[in-house]
Amino acid sequence: MNMNSKPDIVLEFLEAFEEVFDKDWDYTKQMLGISGQTEDQKRSDAELGLVAMPIVADDGTFVHPKVEDEVEDWGNRARLLAAYRALKKGLGG
């Protein structure tokens, strides 16, 4: 890949972004120390009246969180995802 042209560096960024935040999401979570709750933990929280707001569904990724509200308690994630999706669409992807 010729990294001197703008389209090439944009594509390289998108590919790397997707590897880390979508295709390798399980590995990324492991490296960040992120783990989901067990069913027992979820049940215990529910018994205590605690409500968890999922920011990424169990079968989701950062890029495809599969939750209703992508903005909930995650700072600029919605802006990043919107910009990523617009860029990808603009490049025909």
PDB file of N, CA and C in Angstrom:
ATOM      1  N   MET A   1       0.841  -1.179   0.000  1.00  0.00           N
ATOM      2  CA  MET A   1       0.000   0.000   0.000  1.00  0.00           C
ATOM      3  C   MET A   1       0.886   1.242   0.000  1.00  0.00           C
ATOM      4  N   ASN A   2       0.622   2.152  -0.927  1.00  0.00           N
ATOM      5  CA  ASN A   2       1.349   3.409  -1.016  1.00  0.00           C
ATOM      6  C   ASN A   2       0.776   4.376   0.006  1.00  0.00           C
ATOM      7  N   MET A   3       1.501   4.584   1.091  1.00  0.00           N
ATOM      8  CA  MET A   3       0.992   5.419   2.178  1.00  0.00           C
ATOM      9  C   MET A   3       1.157   6.911   1.901  1.00  0.00           C
ATOM     10  N   ASN A   4       1.561   7.268   0.677  1.00  0.00           N
ATOM     11  CA  ASN A   4       1.739   8.676   0.351  1.00  0.00           C
ATOM     12  C   ASN A   4       0.454   9.324  -0.136  1.00  0.00           C
ATOM     13  N   SER A   5      -0.533   8.552  -0.567  1.00  0.00           N
ATOM     14  CA  SER A   5      -1.763   9.166  -1.055  1.00  0.00           C
ATOM     15  C   SER A   5      -2.811   9.193   0.053  1.00  0.00           C
ATOM     16  N   LYS A   6      -3.623  10.228   0.043  1.00  0.00           N
ATOM     17  CA  LYS A   6      -4.636  10.393   1.083  1.00  0.00           C
ATOM     18  C   LYS A   6      -5.638   9.241   1.113  1.00  0.00           C
ATOM     19  N   PRO A   7      -6.155   8.788  -0.049  1.00  0.00           N
ATOM     20  CA  PRO A   7      -7.099   7.653   0.025  1.00  0.00           C
ATOM     21  C   PRO A   7      -6.470   6.412   0.664  1.00  0.00           C
ATOM     22  N   ASP A   8      -5.200   6.158   0.403  1.00  0.00           N
ATOM     23  CA  ASP A   8      -4.543   4.988   0.982  1.00  0.00           C
ATOM     24  C   ASP A   8      -4.427   5.104   2.494  1.00  0.00           C
ATOM     25  N   ILE A   9      -4.097   6.266   3.008  1.00  0.00           N
ATOM     26  CA  ILE A   9      -3.963   6.391   4.459  1.00  0.00           C
ATOM     27  C   ILE A   9      -5.334   6.361   5.137  1.00  0.00           C
ATOM     28  N   VAL A  10      -6.359   6.849   4.449  1.00  0.00           N
ATOM     29  CA  VAL A  10      -7.714   6.764   4.993  1.00  0.00           C
ATOM     30  C   VAL A  10      -8.148   5.311   5.057  1.00  0.00           C
ATOM     31  N   LEU A  11      -7.925   4.561   3.983  1.00  0.00           N
ATOM     32  CA  LEU A  11      -8.292   3.142   3.971  1.00  0.00           C
ATOM     33  C   LEU A  11      -7.507   2.366   5.022  1.00  0.00           C
ATOM     34  N   GLU A  12      -6.241   2.680   5.186  1.00  0.00           N
ATOM     35  CA  GLU A  12      -5.427   2.009   6.200  1.00  0.00           C
ATOM     36  C   GLU A  12      -5.988   2.283   7.592  1.00  0.00           C
ATOM     37  N   PHE A  13      -6.373   3.529   7.843  1.00  0.00           N
ATOM     38  CA  PHE A  13      -6.976   3.855   9.129  1.00  0.00           C
ATOM     39  C   PHE A  13      -8.265   3.069   9.350  1.00  0.00           C
ATOM     40  N   LEU A  14      -9.153   3.075   8.345  1.00  0.00           N
ATOM     41  CA  LEU A  14     -10.416   2.361   8.482  1.00  0.00           C
ATOM     42  C   LEU A  14     -10.194   0.875   8.736  1.00  0.00           C
ATOM     43  N   GLU A  15      -9.265   0.270   8.019  1.00  0.00           N
ATOM     44  CA  GLU A  15      -8.983  -1.155   8.215  1.00  0.00           C
ATOM     45  C   GLU A  15      -8.451  -1.421   9.625  1.00  0.00           C
ATOM     46  N   ALA A  16      -7.550  -0.590  10.094  1.00  0.00           N
ATOM     47  CA  ALA A  16      -6.994  -0.765  11.443  1.00  0.00           C
ATOM     48  C   ALA A  16      -8.068  -0.528  12.504  1.00  0.00           C
ATOM     49  N   PHE A  17      -8.874   0.504  12.322  1.00  0.00           N
ATOM     50  CA  PHE A  17      -9.963   0.819  13.250  1.00  0.00           C
ATOM     51  C   PHE A  17     -10.923  -0.364  13.353  1.00  0.00           C
ATOM     52  N   GLU A  18     -11.311  -0.923  12.196  1.00  0.00           N
ATOM     53  CA  GLU A  18     -12.231  -2.055  12.178  1.00  0.00           C
ATOM     54  C   GLU A  18     -11.617  -3.305  12.811  1.00  0.00           C
ATOM     55  N   GLU A  19     -10.328  -3.516  12.607  1.00  0.00           N
ATOM     56  CA  GLU A  19      -9.672  -4.677  13.226  1.00  0.00           C
ATOM     57  C   GLU A  19      -9.761  -4.592  14.745  1.00  0.00           C
ATOM     58  N   VAL A  20      -9.420  -3.445  15.300  1.00  0.00           N
ATOM     59  CA  VAL A  20      -9.372  -3.286  16.753  1.00  0.00           C
ATOM     60  C   VAL A  20     -10.771  -3.210  17.366  1.00  0.00           C
ATOM     61  N   PHE A  21     -11.656  -2.437  16.765  1.00  0.00           N
ATOM     62  CA  PHE A  21     -12.939  -2.143  17.396  1.00  0.00           C
ATOM     63  C   PHE A  21     -14.118  -2.951  16.861  1.00  0.00           C
ATOM     64  N   ASP A  22     -13.857  -3.881  15.922  1.00  0.00           N
ATOM     65  CA  ASP A  22     -14.934  -4.728  15.423  1.00  0.00           C
ATOM     66  C   ASP A  22     -14.465  -6.180  15.297  1.00  0.00           C
ATOM     67  N   LYS A  23     -13.588  -6.460  14.368  1.00  0.00           N
ATOM     68  CA  LYS A  23     -13.183  -7.846  14.100  1.00  0.00           C
ATOM     69  C   LYS A  23     -12.458  -8.500  15.269  1.00  0.00           C
ATOM     70  N   ASP A  24     -11.614  -7.753  15.961  1.00  0.00           N
ATOM     71  CA  ASP A  24     -10.856  -8.272  17.114  1.00  0.00           C
ATOM     72  C   ASP A  24     -11.421  -7.765  18.438  1.00  0.00           C
ATOM     73  N   TRP A  25     -12.715  -7.469  18.494  1.00  0.00           N
ATOM     74  CA  TRP A  25     -13.314  -6.850  19.678  1.00  0.00           C
ATOM     75  C   TRP A  25     -13.112  -7.689  20.929  1.00  0.00           C
ATOM     76  N   ASP A  26     -13.253  -9.011  20.828  1.00  0.00           N
ATOM     77  CA  ASP A  26     -13.048  -9.855  22.014  1.00  0.00           C
ATOM     78  C   ASP A  26     -11.626  -9.692  22.553  1.00  0.00           C
ATOM     79  N   TYR A  27     -10.644  -9.667  21.664  1.00  0.00           N
ATOM     80  CA  TYR A  27      -9.251  -9.496  22.076  1.00  0.00           C
ATOM     81  C   TYR A  27      -9.031  -8.094  22.661  1.00  0.00           C
ATOM     82  N   THR A  28      -9.622  -7.081  22.021  1.00  0.00           N
ATOM     83  CA  THR A  28      -9.493  -5.709  22.515  1.00  0.00           C
ATOM     84  C   THR A  28     -10.053  -5.598  23.928  1.00  0.00           C
ATOM     85  N   LYS A  29     -11.232  -6.180  24.155  1.00  0.00           N
ATOM     86  CA  LYS A  29     -11.820  -6.149  25.504  1.00  0.00           C
ATOM     87  C   LYS A  29     -10.894  -6.843  26.500  1.00  0.00           C
ATOM     88  N   GLN A  30     -10.344  -7.957  26.102  1.00  0.00           N
ATOM     89  CA  GLN A  30      -9.426  -8.694  26.987  1.00  0.00           C
ATOM     90  C   GLN A  30      -8.223  -7.822  27.340  1.00  0.00           C
ATOM     91  N   MET A  31      -7.645  -7.162  26.359  1.00  0.00           N
ATOM     92  CA  MET A  31      -6.473  -6.329  26.590  1.00  0.00           C
ATOM     93  C   MET A  31      -6.802  -5.099  27.446  1.00  0.00           C
ATOM     94  N   LEU A  32      -8.038  -4.621  27.363  1.00  0.00           N
ATOM     95  CA  LEU A  32      -8.463  -3.470  28.168  1.00  0.00           C
ATOM     96  C   LEU A  32      -9.003  -3.880  29.534  1.00  0.00           C
ATOM     97  N   GLY A  33      -9.098  -5.185  29.766  1.00  0.00           N
ATOM     98  CA  GLY A  33      -9.612  -5.664  31.045  1.00  0.00           C
ATOM     99  C   GLY A  33     -11.113  -5.534  31.167  1.00  0.00           C
ATOM    100  N   ILE A  34     -11.812  -5.537  30.037  1.00  0.00           N
ATOM    101  CA  ILE A  34     -13.267  -5.414  30.030  1.00  0.00           C
ATOM    102  C   ILE A  34     -13.862  -6.819  29.993  1.00  0.00           C
ATOM    103  N   SER A  35     -14.716  -7.098  30.956  1.00  0.00           N
ATOM    104  CA  SER A  35     -15.402  -8.391  30.937  1.00  0.00           C
ATOM    105  C   SER A  35     -16.876  -8.173  31.218  1.00  0.00           C
ATOM    106  N   GLY A  36     -17.692  -9.003  30.623  1.00  0.00           N
ATOM    107  CA  GLY A  36     -19.127  -8.899  30.836  1.00  0.00           C
ATOM    108  C   GLY A  36     -19.521  -9.533  32.157  1.00  0.00           C
ATOM    109  N   GLN A  37     -20.722  -9.263  32.577  1.00  0.00           N
ATOM    110  CA  GLN A  37     -21.232  -9.854  33.809  1.00  0.00           C
ATOM    111  C   GLN A  37     -21.690 -11.282  33.549  1.00  0.00           C
ATOM    112  N   THR A  38     -21.510 -12.119  34.539  1.00  0.00           N
ATOM    113  CA  THR A  38     -22.060 -13.464  34.479  1.00  0.00           C
ATOM    114  C   THR A  38     -23.564 -13.370  34.724  1.00  0.00           C
ATOM    115  N   GLU A  39     -24.280 -14.440  34.435  1.00  0.00           N
ATOM    116  CA  GLU A  39     -25.722 -14.458  34.689  1.00  0.00           C
ATOM    117  C   GLU A  39     -26.008 -14.281  36.181  1.00  0.00           C
ATOM    118  N   ASP A  40     -25.164 -14.874  37.041  1.00  0.00           N
ATOM    119  CA  ASP A  40     -25.342 -14.707  38.490  1.00  0.00           C
ATOM    120  C   ASP A  40     -25.174 -13.247  38.905  1.00  0.00           C
ATOM    121  N   GLN A  41     -24.185 -12.569  38.335  1.00  0.00           N
ATOM    122  CA  GLN A  41     -23.974 -11.157  38.651  1.00  0.00           C
ATOM    123  C   GLN A  41     -25.161 -10.312  38.189  1.00  0.00           C
ATOM    124  N   LYS A  42     -25.670 -10.600  37.005  1.00  0.00           N
ATOM    125  CA  LYS A  42     -26.834  -9.867  36.493  1.00  0.00           C
ATOM    126  C   LYS A  42     -28.042 -10.079  37.400  1.00  0.00           C
ATOM    127  N   ARG A  43     -28.257 -11.317  37.806  1.00  0.00           N
ATOM    128  CA  ARG A  43     -29.384 -11.649  38.671  1.00  0.00           C
ATOM    129  C   ARG A  43     -29.247 -10.951  40.028  1.00  0.00           C
ATOM    130  N   SER A  44     -28.036 -10.975  40.582  1.00  0.00           N
ATOM    131  CA  SER A  44     -27.774 -10.332  41.869  1.00  0.00           C
ATOM    132  C   SER A  44     -28.023  -8.830  41.790  1.00  0.00           C
ATOM    133  N   ASP A  45     -27.549  -8.204  40.711  1.00  0.00           N
ATOM    134  CA  ASP A  45     -27.786  -6.767  40.530  1.00  0.00           C
ATOM    135  C   ASP A  45     -29.278  -6.469  40.438  1.00  0.00           C
ATOM    136  N   ALA A  46     -30.006  -7.314  39.702  1.00  0.00           N
ATOM    137  CA  ALA A  46     -31.448  -7.107  39.542  1.00  0.00           C
ATOM    138  C   ALA A  46     -32.156  -7.228  40.889  1.00  0.00           C
ATOM    139  N   GLU A  47     -31.726  -8.178  41.706  1.00  0.00           N
ATOM    140  CA  GLU A  47     -32.328  -8.348  43.037  1.00  0.00           C
ATOM    141  C   GLU A  47     -32.092  -7.123  43.914  1.00  0.00           C
ATOM    142  N   LEU A  48     -30.971  -6.450  43.695  1.00  0.00           N
ATOM    143  CA  LEU A  48     -30.657  -5.240  44.457  1.00  0.00           C
ATOM    144  C   LEU A  48     -31.312  -3.994  43.857  1.00  0.00           C
ATOM    145  N   GLY A  49     -32.002  -4.178  42.740  1.00  0.00           N
ATOM    146  CA  GLY A  49     -32.662  -3.053  42.094  1.00  0.00           C
ATOM    147  C   GLY A  49     -31.744  -2.227  41.215  1.00  0.00           C
ATOM    148  N   LEU A  50     -30.561  -2.755  40.920  1.00  0.00           N
ATOM    149  CA  LEU A  50     -29.622  -2.041  40.055  1.00  0.00           C
ATOM    150  C   LEU A  50     -29.973  -2.297  38.595  1.00  0.00           C
ATOM    151  N   VAL A  51     -29.965  -1.244  37.808  1.00  0.00           N
ATOM    152  CA  VAL A  51     -30.285  -1.368  36.400  1.00  0.00           C
ATOM    153  C   VAL A  51     -29.029  -1.046  35.602  1.00  0.00           C
ATOM    154  N   ALA A  52     -28.594  -1.995  34.805  1.00  0.00           N
ATOM    155  CA  ALA A  52     -27.410  -1.782  33.974  1.00  0.00           C
ATOM    156  C   ALA A  52     -27.841  -1.214  32.632  1.00  0.00           C
ATOM    157  N   MET A  53     -27.128  -0.205  32.191  1.00  0.00           N
ATOM    158  CA  MET A  53     -27.369   0.370  30.872  1.00  0.00           C
ATOM    159  C   MET A  53     -26.306  -0.196  29.941  1.00  0.00           C
ATOM    160  N   PRO A  54     -26.662  -1.166  29.119  1.00  0.00           N
ATOM    161  CA  PRO A  54     -25.649  -1.761  28.248  1.00  0.00           C
ATOM    162  C   PRO A  54     -25.116  -0.753  27.238  1.00  0.00           C
ATOM    163  N   ILE A  55     -23.812  -0.662  27.145  1.00  0.00           N
ATOM    164  CA  ILE A  55     -23.208   0.240  26.164  1.00  0.00           C
ATOM    165  C   ILE A  55     -22.728  -0.532  24.946  1.00  0.00           C
ATOM    166  N   VAL A  56     -22.580  -1.853  25.101  1.00  0.00           N
ATOM    167  CA  VAL A  56     -22.310  -2.764  23.993  1.00  0.00           C
ATOM    168  C   VAL A  56     -23.024  -4.064  24.347  1.00  0.00           C
ATOM    169  N   ALA A  57     -23.862  -4.558  23.438  1.00  0.00           N
ATOM    170  CA  ALA A  57     -24.559  -5.815  23.682  1.00  0.00           C
ATOM    171  C   ALA A  57     -23.546  -6.957  23.768  1.00  0.00           C
ATOM    172  N   ASP A  58     -23.955  -8.047  24.405  1.00  0.00           N
ATOM    173  CA  ASP A  58     -23.058  -9.194  24.547  1.00  0.00           C
ATOM    174  C   ASP A  58     -22.532  -9.676  23.196  1.00  0.00           C
ATOM    175  N   ASP A  59     -23.350  -9.582  22.163  1.00  0.00           N
ATOM    176  CA  ASP A  59     -22.909 -10.020  20.830  1.00  0.00           C
ATOM    177  C   ASP A  59     -22.525  -8.842  19.938  1.00  0.00           C
ATOM    178  N   GLY A  60     -22.364  -7.649  20.530  1.00  0.00           N
ATOM    179  CA  GLY A  60     -21.994  -6.461  19.774  1.00  0.00           C
ATOM    180  C   GLY A  60     -20.506  -6.173  19.847  1.00  0.00           C
ATOM    181  N   THR A  61     -20.101  -5.130  19.154  1.00  0.00           N
ATOM    182  CA  THR A  61     -18.719  -4.648  19.175  1.00  0.00           C
ATOM    183  C   THR A  61     -18.768  -3.138  19.360  1.00  0.00           C
ATOM    184  N   PHE A  62     -17.631  -2.515  19.507  1.00  0.00           N
ATOM    185  CA  PHE A  62     -17.594  -1.055  19.610  1.00  0.00           C
ATOM    186  C   PHE A  62     -18.206  -0.429  18.360  1.00  0.00           C
ATOM    187  N   VAL A  63     -17.854  -0.940  17.185  1.00  0.00           N
ATOM    188  CA  VAL A  63     -18.331  -0.389  15.919  1.00  0.00           C
ATOM    189  C   VAL A  63     -19.812  -0.706  15.709  1.00  0.00           C
ATOM    190  N   HIS A  64     -20.224  -1.874  16.121  1.00  0.00           N
ATOM    191  CA  HIS A  64     -21.611  -2.316  15.990  1.00  0.00           C
ATOM    192  C   HIS A  64     -22.122  -2.714  17.379  1.00  0.00           C
ATOM    193  N   PRO A  65     -22.440  -1.721  18.240  1.00  0.00           N
ATOM    194  CA  PRO A  65     -22.767  -2.011  19.628  1.00  0.00           C
ATOM    195  C   PRO A  65     -24.072  -2.793  19.835  1.00  0.00           C
ATOM    196  N   LYS A  66     -24.959  -2.744  18.878  1.00  0.00           N
ATOM    197  CA  LYS A  66     -26.234  -3.470  18.967  1.00  0.00           C
ATOM    198  C   LYS A  66     -27.035  -3.098  20.217  1.00  0.00           C
ATOM    199  N   VAL A  67     -27.017  -1.828  20.560  1.00  0.00           N
ATOM    200  CA  VAL A  67     -27.842  -1.307  21.646  1.00  0.00           C
ATOM    201  C   VAL A  67     -28.695  -0.167  21.092  1.00  0.00           C
ATOM    202  N   GLU A  68     -29.799   0.084  21.753  1.00  0.00           N
ATOM    203  CA  GLU A  68     -30.729   1.107  21.275  1.00  0.00           C
ATOM    204  C   GLU A  68     -30.127   2.507  21.346  1.00  0.00           C
ATOM    205  N   ASP A  69     -29.402   2.803  22.420  1.00  0.00           N
ATOM    206  CA  ASP A  69     -28.862   4.151  22.632  1.00  0.00           C
ATOM    207  C   ASP A  69     -27.339   4.119  22.601  1.00  0.00           C
ATOM    208  N   GLU A  70     -26.757   4.461  21.443  1.00  0.00           N
ATOM    209  CA  GLU A  70     -25.292   4.454  21.311  1.00  0.00           C
ATOM    210  C   GLU A  70     -24.636   5.629  22.024  1.00  0.00           C
ATOM    211  N   VAL A  71     -25.405   6.592  22.457  1.00  0.00           N
ATOM    212  CA  VAL A  71     -24.875   7.790  23.106  1.00  0.00           C
ATOM    213  C   VAL A  71     -24.731   7.597  24.610  1.00  0.00           C
ATOM    214  N   GLU A  72     -25.545   6.731  25.198  1.00  0.00           N
ATOM    215  CA  GLU A  72     -25.639   6.567  26.645  1.00  0.00           C
ATOM    216  C   GLU A  72     -24.273   6.479  27.320  1.00  0.00           C
ATOM    217  N   ASP A  73     -23.941   7.504  28.098  1.00  0.00           N
ATOM    218  CA  ASP A  73     -22.801   7.484  29.007  1.00  0.00           C
ATOM    219  C   ASP A  73     -21.474   7.094  28.367  1.00  0.00           C
ATOM    220  N   TRP A  74     -21.212   7.554  27.157  1.00  0.00           N
ATOM    221  CA  TRP A  74     -19.939   7.202  26.527  1.00  0.00           C
ATOM    222  C   TRP A  74     -19.351   8.413  25.799  1.00  0.00           C
ATOM    223  N   GLY A  75     -19.436   9.551  26.373  1.00  0.00           N
ATOM    224  CA  GLY A  75     -18.798  10.746  25.838  1.00  0.00           C
ATOM    225  C   GLY A  75     -19.012  10.947  24.352  1.00  0.00           C
ATOM    226  N   ASN A  76     -17.959  10.887  23.590  1.00  0.00           N
ATOM    227  CA  ASN A  76     -17.990  11.186  22.155  1.00  0.00           C
ATOM    228  C   ASN A  76     -18.114   9.956  21.262  1.00  0.00           C
ATOM    229  N   ARG A  77     -18.517   8.809  21.819  1.00  0.00           N
ATOM    230  CA  ARG A  77     -18.632   7.611  20.975  1.00  0.00           C
ATOM    231  C   ARG A  77     -19.608   7.833  19.829  1.00  0.00           C
ATOM    232  N   ALA A  78     -20.750   8.434  20.076  1.00  0.00           N
ATOM    233  CA  ALA A  78     -21.737   8.647  19.007  1.00  0.00           C
ATOM    234  C   ALA A  78     -21.141   9.480  17.878  1.00  0.00           C
ATOM    235  N   ARG A  79     -20.382  10.511  18.226  1.00  0.00           N
ATOM    236  CA  ARG A  79     -19.748  11.350  17.201  1.00  0.00           C
ATOM    237  C   ARG A  79     -18.728  10.544  16.399  1.00  0.00           C
ATOM    238  N   LEU A  80     -17.923   9.748  17.097  1.00  0.00           N
ATOM    239  CA  LEU A  80     -16.921   8.926  16.420  1.00  0.00           C
ATOM    240  C   LEU A  80     -17.586   7.923  15.482  1.00  0.00           C
ATOM    241  N   LEU A  81     -18.625   7.246  15.964  1.00  0.00           N
ATOM    242  CA  LEU A  81     -19.307   6.269  15.119  1.00  0.00           C
ATOM    243  C   LEU A  81     -19.969   6.936  13.919  1.00  0.00           C
ATOM    244  N   ALA A  82     -20.573   8.101  14.111  1.00  0.00           N
ATOM    245  CA  ALA A  82     -21.206   8.821  12.998  1.00  0.00           C
ATOM    246  C   ALA A  82     -20.161   9.227  11.956  1.00  0.00           C
ATOM    247  N   ALA A  83     -19.025   9.736  12.418  1.00  0.00           N
ATOM    248  CA  ALA A  83     -17.965  10.139  11.495  1.00  0.00           C
ATOM    249  C   ALA A  83     -17.388   8.928  10.760  1.00  0.00           C
ATOM    250  N   TYR A  84     -17.188   7.830  11.488  1.00  0.00           N
ATOM    251  CA  TYR A  84     -16.681   6.591  10.877  1.00  0.00           C
ATOM    252  C   TYR A  84     -17.641   6.102   9.798  1.00  0.00           C
ATOM    253  N   ARG A  85     -18.940   6.045  10.133  1.00  0.00           N
ATOM    254  CA  ARG A  85     -19.927   5.539   9.184  1.00  0.00           C
ATOM    255  C   ARG A  85     -20.056   6.441   7.962  1.00  0.00           C
ATOM    256  N   ALA A  86     -19.996   7.761   8.165  1.00  0.00           N
ATOM    257  CA  ALA A  86     -20.062   8.703   7.038  1.00  0.00           C
ATOM    258  C   ALA A  86     -18.842   8.558   6.131  1.00  0.00           C
ATOM    259  N   LEU A  87     -17.673   8.408   6.734  1.00  0.00           N
ATOM    260  CA  LEU A  87     -16.444   8.226   5.956  1.00  0.00           C
ATOM    261  C   LEU A  87     -16.506   6.928   5.148  1.00  0.00           C
ATOM    262  N   LYS A  88     -16.903   5.860   5.806  1.00  0.00           N
ATOM    263  CA  LYS A  88     -16.991   4.564   5.141  1.00  0.00           C
ATOM    264  C   LYS A  88     -17.991   4.623   3.987  1.00  0.00           C
ATOM    265  N   LYS A  89     -19.157   5.236   4.225  1.00  0.00           N
ATOM    266  CA  LYS A  89     -20.162   5.366   3.166  1.00  0.00           C
ATOM    267  C   LYS A  89     -19.632   6.236   2.032  1.00  0.00           C
ATOM    268  N   GLY A  90     -18.950   7.319   2.375  1.00  0.00           N
ATOM    269  CA  GLY A  90     -18.395   8.213   1.364  1.00  0.00           C
ATOM    270  C   GLY A  90     -17.340   7.547   0.500  1.00  0.00           C
ATOM    271  N   LEU A  91     -16.682   6.540   1.048  1.00  0.00           N
ATOM    272  CA  LEU A  91     -15.677   5.793   0.282  1.00  0.00           C
ATOM    273  C   LEU A  91     -16.282   4.598  -0.443  1.00  0.00           C
ATOM    274  N   GLY A  92     -17.602   4.473  -0.323  1.00  0.00           N
ATOM    275  CA  GLY A  92     -18.284   3.394  -1.028  1.00  0.00           C
ATOM    276  C   GLY A  92     -18.291   2.065  -0.279  1.00  0.00           C
ATOM    277  N   GLY A  93     -18.062   2.124   1.035  1.00  0.00           N
ATOM    278  CA  GLY A  93     -18.005   0.876   1.796  1.00  0.00           C
ATOM    279  C   GLY A  93     -19.195   0.568   2.616  1.00  0.00           C
TER     280      GLY A  93
END
